[in-house]
């Protein structure tokens, strides 16, 4: 992340302490809420596994586990898991409902961050001089919400790829029996590993570019009417 070398050092050099703190908060928080959304959806569809397994908690260690936390410390990326028993789910498209709940939560978080970043942009004086929020606080808050938006857009999009074990594969499998059977075959299992590796190594930069584009377009959409209403200076 952010160049070669250890990601913590790179992030400190490029974004400063506020950027590093924001990244840590958003990665851990977004993964935790993503997994809780899966659990909530499973409970709604009749599967008590998330609750009986003790996973309906805000404790990120429960959702991420030590391997994920170690990789996060080393590389700045992580993952989570929510135990769900598909055989207990009620409804024809219950599996798709449970799977889509995670990415949907990421997109909701991204929308909240874009709204907050747009409001902060509108509060920034266009003619120079002091604004209603001290400059250093304004800068750090803006960075916090911009990183949150880009990260959650990226997480949501990445998880929608139709490659096991990502959420997109569960959604597609719920609608397509041939796809489900293929993923359960030996050839499907091999291609799933290859597909996941390709998505991870080659799609990462693209989805962050998409996230950045959506972020700055969203900020402009929020900021413009607020300035017209006289919120900014």
C-alpha atoms as a PDB file:
ATOM      1  CA  UNK A   1       0.000   0.000   0.000  1.00  0.00           C
ATOM      2  CA  UNK A   2       1.228   3.502  -0.952  1.00  0.00           C
ATOM      3  CA  UNK A   3       4.501   2.284  -2.500  1.00  0.00           C
ATOM      4  CA  UNK A   4       7.248  -0.188  -1.659  1.00  0.00           C
ATOM      5  CA  UNK A   5       8.327  -1.157   1.843  1.00  0.00           C
ATOM      6  CA  UNK A   6       6.312  -1.617   4.997  1.00  0.00           C
ATOM      7  CA  UNK A   7       2.843  -0.144   4.560  1.00  0.00           C
ATOM      8  CA  UNK A   8       2.906   1.636   7.934  1.00  0.00           C
ATOM      9  CA  UNK A   9       6.035   3.585   7.008  1.00  0.00           C
ATOM     10  CA  UNK A  10       4.729   4.306   3.519  1.00  0.00           C
ATOM     11  CA  UNK A  11       1.397   5.542   4.839  1.00  0.00           C
ATOM     12  CA  UNK A  12       3.051   7.752   7.436  1.00  0.00           C
ATOM     13  CA  UNK A  13       5.282   9.260   4.754  1.00  0.00           C
ATOM     14  CA  UNK A  14       2.431   9.866   2.300  1.00  0.00           C
ATOM     15  CA  UNK A  15      -0.575  10.638   4.513  1.00  0.00           C
ATOM     16  CA  UNK A  16       0.882  11.301   7.968  1.00  0.00           C
ATOM     17  CA  UNK A  17      -0.323  10.029  11.345  1.00  0.00           C
ATOM     18  CA  UNK A  18      -3.926  11.036  10.609  1.00  0.00           C
ATOM     19  CA  UNK A  19      -3.905   8.986   7.413  1.00  0.00           C
ATOM     20  CA  UNK A  20      -2.445   5.927   9.137  1.00  0.00           C
ATOM     21  CA  UNK A  21      -4.940   6.149  11.990  1.00  0.00           C
ATOM     22  CA  UNK A  22      -7.818   6.610   9.541  1.00  0.00           C
ATOM     23  CA  UNK A  23      -6.760   3.577   7.496  1.00  0.00           C
ATOM     24  CA  UNK A  24      -6.543   1.345  10.572  1.00  0.00           C
ATOM     25  CA  UNK A  25      -9.939   2.484  11.849  1.00  0.00           C
ATOM     26  CA  UNK A  26     -11.649   2.061   8.495  1.00  0.00           C
ATOM     27  CA  UNK A  27     -10.159  -1.326   7.603  1.00  0.00           C
ATOM     28  CA  UNK A  28     -11.017  -2.899  10.956  1.00  0.00           C
ATOM     29  CA  UNK A  29     -14.342  -1.096  11.319  1.00  0.00           C
ATOM     30  CA  UNK A  30     -15.526  -1.732   7.768  1.00  0.00           C
ATOM     31  CA  UNK A  31     -14.711  -5.438   7.890  1.00  0.00           C
ATOM     32  CA  UNK A  32     -16.457  -5.776  11.246  1.00  0.00           C
ATOM     33  CA  UNK A  33     -19.623  -4.050  10.019  1.00  0.00           C
ATOM     34  CA  UNK A  34     -19.505  -5.991   6.741  1.00  0.00           C
ATOM     35  CA  UNK A  35     -19.506  -9.303   8.623  1.00  0.00           C
ATOM     36  CA  UNK A  36     -22.163  -8.148  11.081  1.00  0.00           C
ATOM     37  CA  UNK A  37     -24.386  -7.289   8.114  1.00  0.00           C
ATOM     38  CA  UNK A  38     -24.029 -10.873   6.862  1.00  0.00           C
ATOM     39  CA  UNK A  39     -24.940 -12.098  10.349  1.00  0.00           C
ATOM     40  CA  UNK A  40     -27.959  -9.805  10.642  1.00  0.00           C
ATOM     41  CA  UNK A  41     -29.226 -10.932   7.231  1.00  0.00           C
ATOM     42  CA  UNK A  42     -28.770 -14.599   8.139  1.00  0.00           C
ATOM     43  CA  UNK A  43     -30.720 -14.127  11.369  1.00  0.00           C
ATOM     44  CA  UNK A  44     -33.513 -12.413   9.406  1.00  0.00           C
ATOM     45  CA  UNK A  45     -33.664 -15.421   7.099  1.00  0.00           C
ATOM     46  CA  UNK A  46     -33.906 -17.935   9.935  1.00  0.00           C
ATOM     47  CA  UNK A  47     -30.318 -19.052  10.555  1.00  0.00           C
ATOM     48  CA  UNK A  48     -29.274 -18.584  14.212  1.00  0.00           C
ATOM     49  CA  UNK A  49     -25.663 -19.636  13.552  1.00  0.00           C
ATOM     50  CA  UNK A  50     -24.171 -16.107  13.718  1.00  0.00           C
ATOM     51  CA  UNK A  51     -25.694 -15.635  17.173  1.00  0.00           C
ATOM     52  CA  UNK A  52     -25.089 -19.110  18.613  1.00  0.00           C
ATOM     53  CA  UNK A  53     -21.461 -19.011  17.436  1.00  0.00           C
ATOM     54  CA  UNK A  54     -20.889 -15.718  19.262  1.00  0.00           C
ATOM     55  CA  UNK A  55     -20.199 -13.697  16.117  1.00  0.00           C
ATOM     56  CA  UNK A  56     -22.862 -11.006  16.599  1.00  0.00           C
ATOM     57  CA  UNK A  57     -20.364  -8.769  18.356  1.00  0.00           C
ATOM     58  CA  UNK A  58     -18.435  -5.577  17.600  1.00  0.00           C
ATOM     59  CA  UNK A  59     -15.196  -7.289  18.633  1.00  0.00           C
ATOM     60  CA  UNK A  60     -13.087  -7.265  15.414  1.00  0.00           C
ATOM     61  CA  UNK A  61     -10.886 -10.132  16.634  1.00  0.00           C
ATOM     62  CA  UNK A  62     -13.899 -12.440  16.473  1.00  0.00           C
ATOM     63  CA  UNK A  63     -14.598 -11.546  12.850  1.00  0.00           C
ATOM     64  CA  UNK A  64     -11.047 -11.233  11.548  1.00  0.00           C
ATOM     65  CA  UNK A  65      -9.141 -13.837  13.551  1.00  0.00           C
ATOM     66  CA  UNK A  66      -5.434 -13.814  14.296  1.00  0.00           C
ATOM     67  CA  UNK A  67      -4.231 -14.759  10.765  1.00  0.00           C
ATOM     68  CA  UNK A  68      -6.092 -11.792   9.285  1.00  0.00           C
ATOM     69  CA  UNK A  69      -4.832  -9.435  11.989  1.00  0.00           C
ATOM     70  CA  UNK A  70      -1.242 -10.600  11.437  1.00  0.00           C
ATOM     71  CA  UNK A  71      -1.520 -10.009   7.690  1.00  0.00           C
ATOM     72  CA  UNK A  72      -3.030  -6.613   8.426  1.00  0.00           C
ATOM     73  CA  UNK A  73      -0.043  -5.714  10.605  1.00  0.00           C
ATOM     74  CA  UNK A  74       2.342  -6.863   7.868  1.00  0.00           C
ATOM     75  CA  UNK A  75       0.587  -5.665   4.710  1.00  0.00           C
ATOM     76  CA  UNK A  76      -2.256  -3.323   5.675  1.00  0.00           C
ATOM     77  CA  UNK A  77      -4.962  -5.579   4.246  1.00  0.00           C
ATOM     78  CA  UNK A  78      -7.283  -8.009   6.015  1.00  0.00           C
ATOM     79  CA  UNK A  79     -10.441 -10.080   5.741  1.00  0.00           C
ATOM     80  CA  UNK A  80     -13.253 -11.370   7.923  1.00  0.00           C
ATOM     81  CA  UNK A  81     -15.712 -14.231   8.160  1.00  0.00           C
ATOM     82  CA  UNK A  82     -19.231 -14.811   9.427  1.00  0.00           C
ATOM     83  CA  UNK A  83     -20.407 -18.405  10.006  1.00  0.00           C
ATOM     84  CA  UNK A  84     -23.689 -19.081   8.194  1.00  0.00           C
ATOM     85  CA  UNK A  85     -25.527 -22.382   7.655  1.00  0.00           C
ATOM     86  CA  UNK A  86     -27.234 -22.179   4.225  1.00  0.00           C
ATOM     87  CA  UNK A  87     -29.412 -25.206   5.041  1.00  0.00           C
ATOM     88  CA  UNK A  88     -31.167 -23.161   7.741  1.00  0.00           C
ATOM     89  CA  UNK A  89     -31.922 -20.152   5.577  1.00  0.00           C
ATOM     90  CA  UNK A  90     -35.556 -19.593   4.585  1.00  0.00           C
ATOM     91  CA  UNK A  91     -36.510 -18.250   1.188  1.00  0.00           C
ATOM     92  CA  UNK A  92     -35.553 -19.014  -2.392  1.00  0.00           C
ATOM     93  CA  UNK A  93     -32.978 -16.226  -2.621  1.00  0.00           C
ATOM     94  CA  UNK A  94     -31.990 -16.138   1.033  1.00  0.00           C
ATOM     95  CA  UNK A  95     -28.337 -16.909   0.290  1.00  0.00           C
ATOM     96  CA  UNK A  96     -28.137 -13.993  -2.122  1.00  0.00           C
ATOM     97  CA  UNK A  97     -29.795 -11.738   0.470  1.00  0.00           C
ATOM     98  CA  UNK A  98     -27.219 -12.725   3.086  1.00  0.00           C
ATOM     99  CA  UNK A  99     -24.321 -12.350   0.650  1.00  0.00           C
ATOM    100  CA  UNK A 100     -25.318  -8.929  -0.681  1.00  0.00           C
ATOM    101  CA  UNK A 101     -25.791  -7.507   2.831  1.00  0.00           C
ATOM    102  CA  UNK A 102     -22.027  -7.152   3.322  1.00  0.00           C
ATOM    103  CA  UNK A 103     -21.191  -5.125   0.179  1.00  0.00           C
ATOM    104  CA  UNK A 104     -24.391  -3.109   0.632  1.00  0.00           C
ATOM    105  CA  UNK A 105     -23.152  -2.065   4.070  1.00  0.00           C
ATOM    106  CA  UNK A 106     -19.841  -0.969   2.557  1.00  0.00           C
ATOM    107  CA  UNK A 107     -21.669   1.171   0.005  1.00  0.00           C
ATOM    108  CA  UNK A 108     -23.821   2.734   2.727  1.00  0.00           C
ATOM    109  CA  UNK A 109     -20.699   3.581   4.729  1.00  0.00           C
ATOM    110  CA  UNK A 110     -19.140   5.056   1.574  1.00  0.00           C
ATOM    111  CA  UNK A 111     -22.224   7.214   0.963  1.00  0.00           C
ATOM    112  CA  UNK A 112     -22.097   8.526   4.532  1.00  0.00           C
ATOM    113  CA  UNK A 113     -18.410   9.356   4.122  1.00  0.00           C
ATOM    114  CA  UNK A 114     -19.009  11.138   0.815  1.00  0.00           C
ATOM    115  CA  UNK A 115     -21.788  13.194   2.390  1.00  0.00           C
ATOM    116  CA  UNK A 116     -19.529  14.153   5.298  1.00  0.00           C
ATOM    117  CA  UNK A 117     -16.615  14.972   2.976  1.00  0.00           C
ATOM    118  CA  UNK A 118     -18.913  17.101   0.810  1.00  0.00           C
ATOM    119  CA  UNK A 119     -20.147  19.063   3.826  1.00  0.00           C
ATOM    120  CA  UNK A 120     -16.553  19.637   4.939  1.00  0.00           C
ATOM    121  CA  UNK A 121     -15.644  20.809   1.430  1.00  0.00           C
ATOM    122  CA  UNK A 122     -18.536  23.292   1.509  1.00  0.00           C
ATOM    123  CA  UNK A 123     -17.353  24.593   4.895  1.00  0.00           C
ATOM    124  CA  UNK A 124     -13.867  25.306   3.553  1.00  0.00           C
ATOM    125  CA  UNK A 125     -13.508  29.012   2.709  1.00  0.00           C
ATOM    126  CA  UNK A 126     -13.197  29.599  -1.034  1.00  0.00           C
ATOM    127  CA  UNK A 127     -11.474  32.977  -0.560  1.00  0.00           C
ATOM    128  CA  UNK A 128      -8.866  31.946   1.983  1.00  0.00           C
ATOM    129  CA  UNK A 129      -8.806  32.887   5.632  1.00  0.00           C
ATOM    130  CA  UNK A 130     -10.112  30.953   8.629  1.00  0.00           C
ATOM    131  CA  UNK A 131     -13.152  28.746   8.351  1.00  0.00           C
ATOM    132  CA  UNK A 132     -15.675  27.578  10.960  1.00  0.00           C
ATOM    133  CA  UNK A 133     -13.476  24.531  11.701  1.00  0.00           C
ATOM    134  CA  UNK A 134      -9.763  24.923  12.588  1.00  0.00           C
ATOM    135  CA  UNK A 135      -7.641  24.128   9.549  1.00  0.00           C
ATOM    136  CA  UNK A 136      -5.785  21.116  10.964  1.00  0.00           C
ATOM    137  CA  UNK A 137      -9.006  19.520  12.242  1.00  0.00           C
ATOM    138  CA  UNK A 138     -10.745  20.195   8.928  1.00  0.00           C
ATOM    139  CA  UNK A 139      -7.850  18.608   7.008  1.00  0.00           C
ATOM    140  CA  UNK A 140      -7.733  15.503   9.185  1.00  0.00           C
ATOM    141  CA  UNK A 141     -11.506  15.000   9.142  1.00  0.00           C
ATOM    142  CA  UNK A 142     -11.589  15.406   5.374  1.00  0.00           C
ATOM    143  CA  UNK A 143      -8.827  12.805   4.973  1.00  0.00           C
ATOM    144  CA  UNK A 144     -10.634  10.451   7.354  1.00  0.00           C
ATOM    145  CA  UNK A 145     -13.884  10.514   5.388  1.00  0.00           C
ATOM    146  CA  UNK A 146     -12.202  10.408   1.967  1.00  0.00           C
ATOM    147  CA  UNK A 147     -10.234   7.299   2.929  1.00  0.00           C
ATOM    148  CA  UNK A 148     -13.375   5.756   4.391  1.00  0.00           C
ATOM    149  CA  UNK A 149     -15.286   6.350   1.171  1.00  0.00           C
ATOM    150  CA  UNK A 150     -12.612   4.967  -1.152  1.00  0.00           C
ATOM    151  CA  UNK A 151     -11.924   1.941   1.031  1.00  0.00           C
ATOM    152  CA  UNK A 152     -15.589   0.999   1.380  1.00  0.00           C
ATOM    153  CA  UNK A 153     -16.282   1.449  -2.324  1.00  0.00           C
ATOM    154  CA  UNK A 154     -13.287  -0.776  -3.055  1.00  0.00           C
ATOM    155  CA  UNK A 155     -14.359  -3.398  -0.500  1.00  0.00           C
ATOM    156  CA  UNK A 156     -17.912  -3.433  -1.812  1.00  0.00           C
ATOM    157  CA  UNK A 157     -16.878  -3.762  -5.453  1.00  0.00           C
ATOM    158  CA  UNK A 158     -14.188  -6.371  -4.777  1.00  0.00           C
ATOM    159  CA  UNK A 159     -16.578  -8.553  -2.803  1.00  0.00           C
ATOM    160  CA  UNK A 160     -19.055  -8.496  -5.693  1.00  0.00           C
ATOM    161  CA  UNK A 161     -16.656 -10.288  -8.025  1.00  0.00           C
ATOM    162  CA  UNK A 162     -18.309 -13.663  -8.863  1.00  0.00           C
ATOM    163  CA  UNK A 163     -15.317 -15.672  -7.671  1.00  0.00           C
ATOM    164  CA  UNK A 164     -15.343 -17.924  -4.581  1.00  0.00           C
ATOM    165  CA  UNK A 165     -15.061 -17.197  -1.712  1.00  0.00           C
ATOM    166  CA  UNK A 166     -16.259 -13.650  -2.443  1.00  0.00           C
ATOM    167  CA  UNK A 167     -19.868 -12.587  -1.908  1.00  0.00           C
ATOM    168  CA  UNK A 168     -20.473 -12.194  -5.621  1.00  0.00           C
ATOM    169  CA  UNK A 169     -20.021 -15.925  -6.131  1.00  0.00           C
ATOM    170  CA  UNK A 170     -22.682 -16.708  -3.520  1.00  0.00           C
ATOM    171  CA  UNK A 171     -25.089 -14.273  -5.130  1.00  0.00           C
ATOM    172  CA  UNK A 172     -24.562 -15.743  -8.600  1.00  0.00           C
ATOM    173  CA  UNK A 173     -24.715 -19.324  -7.297  1.00  0.00           C
ATOM    174  CA  UNK A 174     -28.093 -18.601  -5.713  1.00  0.00           C
ATOM    175  CA  UNK A 175     -29.481 -17.545  -9.106  1.00  0.00           C
ATOM    176  CA  UNK A 176     -27.601 -20.006 -11.338  1.00  0.00           C
ATOM    177  CA  UNK A 177     -27.608 -23.735 -10.588  1.00  0.00           C
ATOM    178  CA  UNK A 178     -25.008 -24.527 -13.321  1.00  0.00           C
ATOM    179  CA  UNK A 179     -22.634 -21.963 -11.805  1.00  0.00           C
ATOM    180  CA  UNK A 180     -23.126 -23.434  -8.332  1.00  0.00           C
ATOM    181  CA  UNK A 181     -22.385 -26.933  -9.612  1.00  0.00           C
ATOM    182  CA  UNK A 182     -19.345 -25.688 -11.497  1.00  0.00           C
ATOM    183  CA  UNK A 183     -17.837 -24.026  -8.420  1.00  0.00           C
ATOM    184  CA  UNK A 184     -18.265 -27.284  -6.511  1.00  0.00           C
ATOM    185  CA  UNK A 185     -16.406 -29.296  -9.181  1.00  0.00           C
ATOM    186  CA  UNK A 186     -12.662 -29.931  -9.187  1.00  0.00           C
ATOM    187  CA  UNK A 187     -12.128 -27.736 -12.250  1.00  0.00           C
ATOM    188  CA  UNK A 188     -14.306 -25.023 -10.738  1.00  0.00           C
ATOM    189  CA  UNK A 189     -12.332 -25.100  -7.522  1.00  0.00           C
ATOM    190  CA  UNK A 190      -9.049 -24.665  -9.395  1.00  0.00           C
ATOM    191  CA  UNK A 191     -10.372 -21.846 -11.570  1.00  0.00           C
ATOM    192  CA  UNK A 192     -11.814 -20.173  -8.488  1.00  0.00           C
ATOM    193  CA  UNK A 193      -8.348 -19.997  -6.938  1.00  0.00           C
ATOM    194  CA  UNK A 194      -6.901 -18.593 -10.153  1.00  0.00           C
ATOM    195  CA  UNK A 195      -9.769 -16.132 -10.542  1.00  0.00           C
ATOM    196  CA  UNK A 196      -9.448 -14.895  -6.980  1.00  0.00           C
ATOM    197  CA  UNK A 197      -5.692 -14.403  -7.374  1.00  0.00           C
ATOM    198  CA  UNK A 198      -6.182 -12.458 -10.611  1.00  0.00           C
ATOM    199  CA  UNK A 199      -8.897 -10.293  -9.046  1.00  0.00           C
ATOM    200  CA  UNK A 200      -6.763  -9.605  -5.976  1.00  0.00           C
ATOM    201  CA  UNK A 201      -3.540  -8.702  -7.782  1.00  0.00           C
ATOM    202  CA  UNK A 202      -4.867  -6.945 -10.882  1.00  0.00           C
ATOM    203  CA  UNK A 203      -8.252  -5.442  -9.960  1.00  0.00           C
ATOM    204  CA  UNK A 204      -7.124  -3.689  -6.771  1.00  0.00           C
ATOM    205  CA  UNK A 205      -5.754  -0.543  -8.381  1.00  0.00           C
ATOM    206  CA  UNK A 206      -8.741  -0.321 -10.736  1.00  0.00           C
ATOM    207  CA  UNK A 207     -11.387  -0.479  -8.014  1.00  0.00           C
ATOM    208  CA  UNK A 208      -9.534   2.144  -5.957  1.00  0.00           C
ATOM    209  CA  UNK A 209      -9.501   4.367  -9.057  1.00  0.00           C
ATOM    210  CA  UNK A 210     -13.240   3.835  -9.374  1.00  0.00           C
ATOM    211  CA  UNK A 211     -13.588   4.655  -5.683  1.00  0.00           C
ATOM    212  CA  UNK A 212     -11.619   7.881  -6.100  1.00  0.00           C
ATOM    213  CA  UNK A 213     -13.721   8.895  -9.121  1.00  0.00           C
ATOM    214  CA  UNK A 214     -17.000   8.254  -7.294  1.00  0.00           C
ATOM    215  CA  UNK A 215     -15.666  10.074  -4.220  1.00  0.00           C
ATOM    216  CA  UNK A 216     -14.705  13.311  -5.959  1.00  0.00           C
ATOM    217  CA  UNK A 217     -17.864  13.321  -8.102  1.00  0.00           C
ATOM    218  CA  UNK A 218     -19.940  12.746  -4.968  1.00  0.00           C
ATOM    219  CA  UNK A 219     -18.177  15.536  -3.087  1.00  0.00           C
ATOM    220  CA  UNK A 220     -18.906  17.929  -5.945  1.00  0.00           C
ATOM    221  CA  UNK A 221     -22.585  16.919  -5.964  1.00  0.00           C
ATOM    222  CA  UNK A 222     -22.873  17.544  -2.215  1.00  0.00           C
ATOM    223  CA  UNK A 223     -20.706  20.660  -2.058  1.00  0.00           C
ATOM    224  CA  UNK A 224     -22.236  22.689  -4.901  1.00  0.00           C
ATOM    225  CA  UNK A 225     -25.788  23.082  -3.547  1.00  0.00           C
ATOM    226  CA  UNK A 226     -24.506  23.722  -0.027  1.00  0.00           C
ATOM    227  CA  UNK A 227     -22.339  26.580  -1.259  1.00  0.00           C
ATOM    228  CA  UNK A 228     -25.292  27.955  -3.209  1.00  0.00           C
ATOM    229  CA  UNK A 229     -27.263  27.942   0.047  1.00  0.00           C
ATOM    230  CA  UNK A 230     -24.467  29.920   1.672  1.00  0.00           C
ATOM    231  CA  UNK A 231     -23.047  27.202   3.923  1.00  0.00           C
ATOM    232  CA  UNK A 232     -19.498  27.941   2.820  1.00  0.00           C
ATOM    233  CA  UNK A 233     -17.575  31.150   3.133  1.00  0.00           C
END
